[in-house]
Protein backbone atom coordinates (compact mmCIF):
# COMPACT_ATOMS: atom_id res chain seq x y z
CA MET A 1 43.74 39.32 -22.37
CA ASN A 2 45.13 37.35 -25.31
CA GLN A 3 48.83 36.65 -25.51
CA ARG A 4 51.01 34.22 -27.43
CA LEU A 5 54.67 33.69 -28.13
CA ALA A 6 55.47 35.04 -31.57
CA ASN A 7 59.20 34.30 -31.96
CA ILE A 8 61.98 32.59 -30.04
CA ALA A 9 65.46 33.83 -30.89
CA ILE A 10 68.19 31.27 -31.52
CA VAL A 11 71.72 32.57 -31.91
CA VAL A 12 73.40 31.33 -35.10
CA LYS A 13 76.82 31.72 -36.76
CA ASP A 14 75.51 32.38 -40.24
CA TYR A 15 72.05 33.16 -41.58
CA ASP A 16 72.33 31.09 -44.75
CA GLU A 17 73.71 27.92 -43.13
CA ALA A 18 70.99 28.13 -40.47
CA ILE A 19 68.28 28.61 -43.11
CA ASP A 20 69.67 25.62 -45.02
CA PHE A 21 69.52 23.42 -41.91
CA TYR A 22 66.02 24.38 -40.79
CA VAL A 23 64.42 24.58 -44.25
CA ASN A 24 66.20 21.83 -46.18
CA LYS A 25 66.83 19.31 -43.38
CA LEU A 26 64.07 19.85 -40.82
CA HIS A 27 61.58 21.03 -43.48
CA PHE A 28 60.64 24.24 -41.67
CA GLN A 29 59.05 26.96 -43.75
CA LEU A 30 60.99 30.17 -44.34
CA MET A 31 58.49 32.81 -43.23
CA GLU A 32 60.62 35.91 -43.58
CA ASP A 33 64.11 36.96 -44.60
CA THR A 34 64.27 40.74 -44.49
CA PRO A 35 67.55 42.70 -44.66
CA LEU A 36 67.75 45.27 -41.86
CA SER A 37 71.29 46.50 -42.48
CA PRO A 38 74.33 45.31 -44.45
CA THR A 39 75.04 42.75 -41.68
CA LYS A 40 71.67 42.12 -40.00
CA ARG A 41 68.59 40.27 -41.25
CA TRP A 42 65.21 39.42 -39.75
CA VAL A 43 64.93 35.69 -40.47
CA ARG A 44 62.01 33.61 -39.20
CA VAL A 45 61.33 29.90 -39.77
CA LEU A 46 58.29 27.86 -38.77
CA PRO A 47 57.80 24.10 -38.31
CA PRO A 48 55.60 22.45 -40.95
CA GLY A 49 51.89 22.48 -40.14
CA SER A 50 52.16 25.37 -37.63
CA GLU A 51 50.57 28.12 -39.74
CA ASN A 52 50.07 30.63 -36.92
CA GLY A 53 52.55 29.16 -34.45
CA CYS A 54 55.63 30.52 -32.81
CA CYS A 55 58.57 31.06 -35.17
CA LEU A 56 62.27 30.62 -34.59
CA LEU A 57 64.05 33.91 -35.14
CA LEU A 58 67.50 33.11 -36.50
CA ALA A 59 69.68 35.78 -34.90
CA LYS A 60 73.28 36.03 -36.11
CA ALA A 61 75.73 36.60 -33.27
CA LYS A 62 77.03 40.15 -33.47
CA ASN A 63 79.85 39.95 -30.90
CA GLU A 64 82.01 37.49 -28.95
CA GLU A 65 79.58 37.34 -26.02
CA GLU A 66 76.69 36.28 -28.26
CA ALA A 67 78.92 33.93 -30.27
CA SER A 68 79.89 32.16 -27.02
CA ARG A 69 76.23 31.10 -26.66
CA ILE A 70 75.89 29.47 -30.08
CA GLY A 71 74.98 25.83 -29.56
CA ASN A 72 74.63 26.13 -25.80
CA GLN A 73 71.81 28.55 -25.17
CA THR A 74 70.50 26.60 -22.17
CA GLY A 75 73.66 25.33 -20.49
CA GLY A 76 73.37 21.85 -22.01
CA ARG A 77 69.68 21.22 -21.29
CA VAL A 78 67.15 20.48 -23.99
CA PHE A 79 66.37 23.86 -25.52
CA LEU A 80 63.31 23.33 -27.70
CA PHE A 81 60.45 20.81 -27.80
CA LEU A 82 59.06 19.98 -31.23
CA PHE A 83 55.80 18.01 -31.43
CA THR A 84 55.18 15.71 -34.38
CA ASP A 85 52.34 13.55 -35.63
CA ASP A 86 54.77 10.82 -36.79
CA LEU A 87 57.97 10.27 -34.81
CA GLU A 88 59.17 7.38 -36.98
CA ARG A 89 58.96 9.49 -40.15
CA ASP A 90 60.76 12.42 -38.58
CA TYR A 91 63.37 10.22 -36.88
CA GLN A 92 64.16 8.69 -40.28
CA ASN A 93 64.47 12.21 -41.68
CA LEU A 94 67.05 13.02 -38.99
CA LEU A 95 69.03 9.92 -39.96
CA ASP A 96 68.70 10.63 -43.69
CA HIS A 97 70.13 14.13 -43.19
CA GLN A 98 72.88 12.92 -40.84
CA ILE A 99 71.54 15.02 -37.97
CA LYS A 100 73.09 13.88 -34.69
CA VAL A 101 70.67 11.85 -32.58
CA VAL A 102 71.59 12.05 -28.91
CA ARG A 103 68.94 9.57 -27.70
CA PRO A 104 67.08 7.18 -29.99
CA PRO A 105 63.29 6.97 -29.82
CA SER A 106 61.78 5.72 -26.60
CA GLU A 107 58.25 5.46 -25.24
CA HIS A 108 57.01 7.26 -22.15
CA GLU A 109 53.67 8.00 -20.51
CA TYR A 110 53.41 11.26 -22.43
CA GLY A 111 54.40 9.77 -25.80
CA LYS A 112 57.37 8.82 -27.95
CA VAL A 113 60.50 10.98 -27.85
CA THR A 114 63.94 11.26 -29.39
CA VAL A 115 66.61 13.87 -28.69
CA PHE A 116 68.67 15.44 -31.46
CA GLU A 117 71.17 18.26 -31.93
CA ASP A 118 70.69 21.14 -34.32
CA LEU A 119 73.57 22.24 -36.53
CA TYR A 120 75.24 24.06 -33.64
CA GLY A 121 74.64 21.51 -30.88
CA ASN A 122 71.49 22.86 -29.20
CA LEU A 123 69.41 19.94 -27.93
CA TRP A 124 65.85 19.35 -29.12
CA ASP A 125 63.18 16.91 -27.94
CA LEU A 126 61.16 15.56 -30.85
CA ILE A 127 57.91 14.31 -29.30
CA GLN A 128 54.92 12.43 -30.64
CA PRO A 129 52.43 12.98 -27.81
CA SER A 130 50.26 10.11 -26.62
CA LYS A 131 46.63 10.30 -27.59
CA VAL A 132 44.60 11.64 -24.67
């Protein structure tokens, strides 16, 4: 049996502002932006260098219940873990784009890590794994 995660949905307020954040600030690749109805789109973004990896599906909140989850999809815990090959480069990119850094870079057994917020306040770990 072969299985893999294809997409992880993240609830957003607006498709275009979310695309702008992920593509123009985090440098993700826009993989798909397909209209499904006058108010719904299928929007997928992918971190750079992840050709066949799991995409983020940017899902616009369609009601108050979904909107209440924007920016707090995990109850305040780190939501997503993004690996990098150069933490210093990507940390500087966060600063350059005025992305809120919750914890500056630190070193641990498993590698270097910094925590940042996305445009809605979801927490991310940016990790440069230690060489094994």
